[in-house]
Amino acid sequence: AFTLRTGVRFEDVSVEGADFTSFMTGQPITGADLEYSEALVNFGGVYQLTDQLSIFGGYSEGFIVSDIGRIIRFIDFDFATGQPTDETDVGVLNPEAQVIENYEIGIRGNHDNLTWSLAGFLSESELGTTLDPVTLEVTRAPEEVWGYEIVLDYTISENLGFGGTYSYVKGRADFDDDGDFETFLPAARISPPKLTAYVDWDFLPGWTGRLQALYSESEDFFGNV
């Protein structure tokens, strides 16, 4: 009744950075070769409650090398003061990679022609990457993202079926590093809740038509980002 899966993977990323001239100030920047590596683990399990109902959960780690190009592009410019800095060596900057911890738990069912699932998730990272849409400055800060998704599929006949999804995601960051996640992540990072629906029709052998709709809810706390 219980299935467990687990694994380990190792990621290694190398970035070669040549010397270049600063976009913001026009001064020469010394390039460098950057190296990133991380061992990542994942595990998950499914427990079959009945022939039609099961619960599942898991933990996984993600590894992202942040937008190095954007960080390096403005290496010698301080957006807070609007003035150039003395930093001209990419090797000293060495932007850290982002490790993301993902947790998921859910339930799913299969009843005759109906299949459905409900899953909730939480993602945490100590080095989240957020881009300011006005200054183009990259901010690294602890963040957490959470939400849930509902999936529904129903088969009417051999040639006809319909279904849909509803997803809800929210995220906050601790930009002042005081231990409180008080700032919502911007719309560039977090999409509003959305509802999708579809109808599939196998109208000829080898041919399938799909009518699909997407509705995105409005959000008012993102401001102009």
Protein backbone atom coordinates (compact mmCIF):
# COMPACT_ATOMS: atom_id res chain seq x y z
CA ALA A 1 0.00 0.00 0.00
CA PHE A 2 2.98 2.31 0.45
CA THR A 3 5.50 3.37 -2.20
CA LEU A 4 8.64 5.37 -1.39
CA ARG A 5 10.96 6.95 -3.94
CA THR A 6 14.18 8.81 -3.22
CA GLY A 7 17.25 10.03 -5.04
CA VAL A 8 20.35 12.18 -5.02
CA ARG A 9 21.76 14.30 -7.82
CA PHE A 10 24.82 16.49 -8.16
CA GLU A 11 24.76 19.71 -10.19
CA ASP A 12 27.84 21.57 -11.35
CA VAL A 13 27.70 24.89 -13.22
CA SER A 14 30.63 26.81 -14.68
CA VAL A 15 30.38 30.39 -15.92
CA GLU A 16 33.18 31.96 -17.95
CA GLY A 17 33.25 35.75 -17.65
CA ALA A 18 35.51 37.78 -19.95
CA ASP A 19 36.72 41.34 -19.33
CA PHE A 20 34.22 43.95 -20.44
CA THR A 21 33.27 47.61 -20.18
CA SER A 22 30.57 48.61 -17.67
CA PHE A 23 27.18 49.42 -19.13
CA MET A 24 26.44 51.99 -16.42
CA THR A 25 29.74 53.83 -15.93
CA GLY A 26 31.89 52.89 -18.91
CA GLN A 27 34.81 51.72 -16.80
CA PRO A 28 36.67 48.43 -17.48
CA ILE A 29 35.62 45.37 -15.45
CA THR A 30 37.89 42.39 -14.79
CA GLY A 31 36.15 39.14 -15.68
CA ALA A 32 36.39 35.83 -13.81
CA ASP A 33 35.37 32.17 -14.05
CA LEU A 34 32.65 31.29 -11.53
CA GLU A 35 32.02 27.76 -10.25
CA TYR A 36 28.85 26.43 -8.60
CA SER A 37 28.16 22.90 -7.34
CA GLU A 38 25.61 21.34 -5.03
CA ALA A 39 24.43 17.87 -3.97
CA LEU A 40 20.63 17.74 -3.90
CA VAL A 41 18.27 15.16 -2.41
CA ASN A 42 14.63 14.29 -2.93
CA PHE A 43 12.17 11.77 -1.54
CA GLY A 44 8.47 11.18 -1.79
CA GLY A 45 5.83 8.65 -0.87
CA VAL A 46 2.34 7.52 -1.85
CA TYR A 47 -0.03 5.64 0.46
CA GLN A 48 -3.02 3.87 -1.08
CA LEU A 49 -5.93 4.38 1.31
CA THR A 50 -8.37 2.50 -0.94
CA ASP A 51 -8.43 1.36 -4.55
CA GLN A 52 -9.77 4.81 -5.49
CA LEU A 53 -8.07 7.10 -2.97
CA SER A 54 -4.42 7.82 -2.14
CA ILE A 55 -2.39 10.42 -0.28
CA PHE A 56 1.08 11.59 -1.26
CA GLY A 57 3.84 13.89 -0.07
CA GLY A 58 7.46 14.67 -0.69
CA TYR A 59 10.52 16.83 -0.30
CA SER A 60 12.86 17.99 -3.06
CA GLU A 61 15.68 20.47 -3.52
CA GLY A 62 16.19 22.79 -6.46
CA PHE A 63 19.36 24.55 -7.56
CA ILE A 64 19.32 27.84 -9.50
CA VAL A 65 22.20 30.02 -10.58
CA SER A 66 20.75 33.53 -10.34
CA ASP A 67 20.76 36.06 -13.16
CA ILE A 68 24.54 36.46 -13.12
CA GLY A 69 24.54 38.51 -16.30
CA ARG A 70 22.28 41.16 -14.79
CA ILE A 71 24.24 41.27 -11.52
CA ILE A 72 27.58 41.61 -13.31
CA ARG A 73 26.22 44.20 -15.72
CA PHE A 74 25.76 46.66 -12.86
CA ILE A 75 28.65 45.51 -10.68
CA ASP A 76 30.18 48.99 -10.36
CA PHE A 77 26.97 50.97 -9.75
CA ASP A 78 25.18 51.58 -6.43
CA PHE A 79 21.45 52.02 -7.09
CA ALA A 80 20.84 53.30 -3.55
CA THR A 81 23.11 56.32 -4.04
CA GLY A 82 23.02 56.55 -7.82
CA GLN A 83 26.82 56.68 -7.83
CA PRO A 84 29.57 54.40 -9.18
CA THR A 85 31.37 52.08 -6.76
CA ASP A 86 34.98 50.94 -6.63
CA GLU A 87 34.06 47.34 -7.45
CA THR A 88 35.61 46.31 -10.78
CA ASP A 89 36.40 42.61 -10.28
CA VAL A 90 33.76 39.95 -11.02
CA GLY A 91 35.78 37.38 -9.04
CA VAL A 92 35.24 39.35 -5.84
CA LEU A 93 31.49 39.60 -6.48
CA ASN A 94 30.97 35.82 -6.97
CA PRO A 95 27.12 35.81 -6.65
CA GLU A 96 25.92 32.76 -4.73
CA ALA A 97 23.61 30.17 -6.23
CA GLN A 98 20.11 29.62 -4.86
CA VAL A 99 19.06 26.36 -3.20
CA ILE A 100 15.29 25.90 -2.93
CA GLU A 101 13.63 23.48 -0.50
CA ASN A 102 10.23 22.24 -1.75
CA TYR A 103 7.59 20.47 0.36
CA GLU A 104 4.38 18.96 -1.07
CA ILE A 105 1.41 17.06 0.33
CA GLY A 106 -1.84 16.07 -1.32
CA ILE A 107 -4.65 13.62 -1.98
CA ARG A 108 -6.00 12.21 -5.23
CA GLY A 109 -8.88 10.04 -6.29
CA ASN A 110 -10.01 7.92 -9.23
CA HIS A 111 -13.74 7.19 -9.32
CA ASP A 112 -15.08 5.59 -12.53
CA ASN A 113 -14.81 8.38 -15.12
CA LEU A 114 -13.65 11.04 -12.65
CA THR A 115 -10.07 11.72 -11.55
CA TRP A 116 -9.10 14.56 -9.23
CA SER A 117 -6.30 15.77 -6.98
CA LEU A 118 -5.69 18.43 -4.36
CA ALA A 119 -2.10 19.36 -3.51
CA GLY A 120 -0.49 21.99 -1.32
CA PHE A 121 3.12 23.09 -1.44
CA LEU A 122 5.70 25.27 0.31
CA SER A 123 9.03 26.45 -1.12
CA GLU A 124 11.73 28.10 0.98
CA SER A 125 15.04 29.70 0.05
CA GLU A 126 17.67 31.68 1.93
CA LEU A 127 18.82 33.47 -1.23
CA GLY A 128 15.75 34.36 -3.25
CA THR A 129 16.31 36.51 -6.33
CA THR A 130 13.98 39.46 -7.01
CA LEU A 131 14.42 42.01 -9.80
CA ASP A 132 13.35 45.63 -9.24
CA PRO A 133 11.41 46.52 -12.43
CA VAL A 134 12.39 50.21 -12.21
CA THR A 135 16.08 50.18 -11.23
CA LEU A 136 16.76 46.66 -12.60
CA GLU A 137 18.65 45.99 -9.36
CA VAL A 138 18.74 42.36 -8.20
CA THR A 139 17.89 41.80 -4.51
CA ARG A 140 18.89 38.58 -2.70
CA ALA A 141 16.79 37.85 0.39
CA PRO A 142 15.17 34.93 2.25
CA GLU A 143 11.77 34.07 0.81
CA GLU A 144 8.94 31.59 1.04
CA VAL A 145 6.30 30.68 -1.54
CA TRP A 146 3.20 28.63 -0.79
CA GLY A 147 -0.04 27.64 -2.45
CA TYR A 148 -2.30 24.83 -3.62
CA GLU A 149 -3.71 23.38 -6.83
CA ILE A 150 -6.92 21.50 -7.64
CA VAL A 151 -7.10 19.32 -10.76
CA LEU A 152 -10.27 17.71 -12.13
CA ASP A 153 -10.75 15.48 -15.21
CA TYR A 154 -13.95 13.76 -16.32
CA THR A 155 -14.42 11.38 -19.24
CA ILE A 156 -17.91 11.60 -20.71
CA SER A 157 -17.39 9.04 -23.46
CA GLU A 158 -14.62 7.43 -25.45
CA ASN A 159 -14.33 10.55 -27.61
CA LEU A 160 -15.33 13.35 -25.23
CA GLY A 161 -14.00 14.68 -21.94
CA PHE A 162 -13.57 17.86 -19.92
CA GLY A 163 -11.59 19.13 -16.96
CA GLY A 164 -10.00 22.07 -15.26
CA THR A 165 -7.58 23.37 -12.67
CA TYR A 166 -7.47 26.05 -10.02
CA SER A 167 -4.15 27.26 -8.65
CA TYR A 168 -3.41 29.70 -5.83
CA VAL A 169 0.12 30.97 -5.11
CA LYS A 170 1.45 33.55 -2.67
CA GLY A 171 4.97 34.54 -1.71
CA ARG A 172 6.73 36.81 0.78
CA ALA A 173 10.33 37.89 1.27
CA ASP A 174 12.39 39.16 4.19
CA PHE A 175 14.13 42.04 2.41
CA ASP A 176 15.34 43.70 5.64
CA ASP A 177 16.60 40.36 7.06
CA ASP A 178 14.81 40.74 10.41
CA GLY A 179 13.29 37.26 10.43
CA ASP A 180 9.80 38.42 9.35
CA PHE A 181 8.51 37.75 5.84
CA GLU A 182 6.56 41.00 5.63
CA THR A 183 6.85 41.92 1.93
CA PHE A 184 4.82 40.28 -0.83
CA LEU A 185 6.85 39.11 -3.80
CA PRO A 186 6.00 41.14 -6.94
CA ALA A 187 3.80 40.03 -9.82
CA ALA A 188 6.93 39.37 -11.88
CA ARG A 189 7.58 36.45 -9.50
CA ILE A 190 4.10 35.38 -8.37
CA SER A 191 1.13 35.04 -10.70
CA PRO A 192 -2.42 35.75 -9.48
CA PRO A 193 -4.81 32.87 -8.76
CA LYS A 194 -6.04 31.34 -12.00
CA LEU A 195 -8.75 29.00 -13.22
CA THR A 196 -8.51 26.88 -16.37
CA ALA A 197 -11.11 24.73 -18.11
CA TYR A 198 -11.05 22.57 -21.23
CA VAL A 199 -13.13 20.27 -23.42
CA ASP A 200 -11.48 17.56 -25.56
CA TRP A 201 -13.23 15.96 -28.54
CA ASP A 202 -11.78 13.18 -30.71
CA PHE A 203 -13.92 14.12 -33.71
CA LEU A 204 -12.07 11.96 -36.28
CA PRO A 205 -9.66 9.02 -36.01
CA GLY A 206 -6.25 10.54 -35.27
CA TRP A 207 -7.67 14.06 -34.78
CA THR A 208 -8.46 15.77 -31.47
CA GLY A 209 -9.89 19.24 -30.90
CA ARG A 210 -9.59 21.17 -27.64
CA LEU A 211 -11.45 24.24 -26.44
CA GLN A 212 -9.61 25.82 -23.51
CA ALA A 213 -10.25 28.87 -21.34
CA LEU A 214 -8.09 30.68 -18.76
CA TYR A 215 -9.36 33.12 -16.15
CA SER A 216 -6.85 35.07 -14.05
CA GLU A 217 -8.04 36.77 -10.89
CA SER A 218 -7.04 40.33 -10.02
CA GLU A 219 -4.63 41.29 -7.24
CA ASP A 220 -4.27 44.75 -5.70
CA PHE A 221 -1.24 44.37 -3.41
CA PHE A 222 1.38 44.09 -6.16
CA GLY A 223 1.33 47.84 -6.88
CA ASN A 224 2.80 48.75 -10.26
CA VAL A 225 5.15 45.77 -10.53
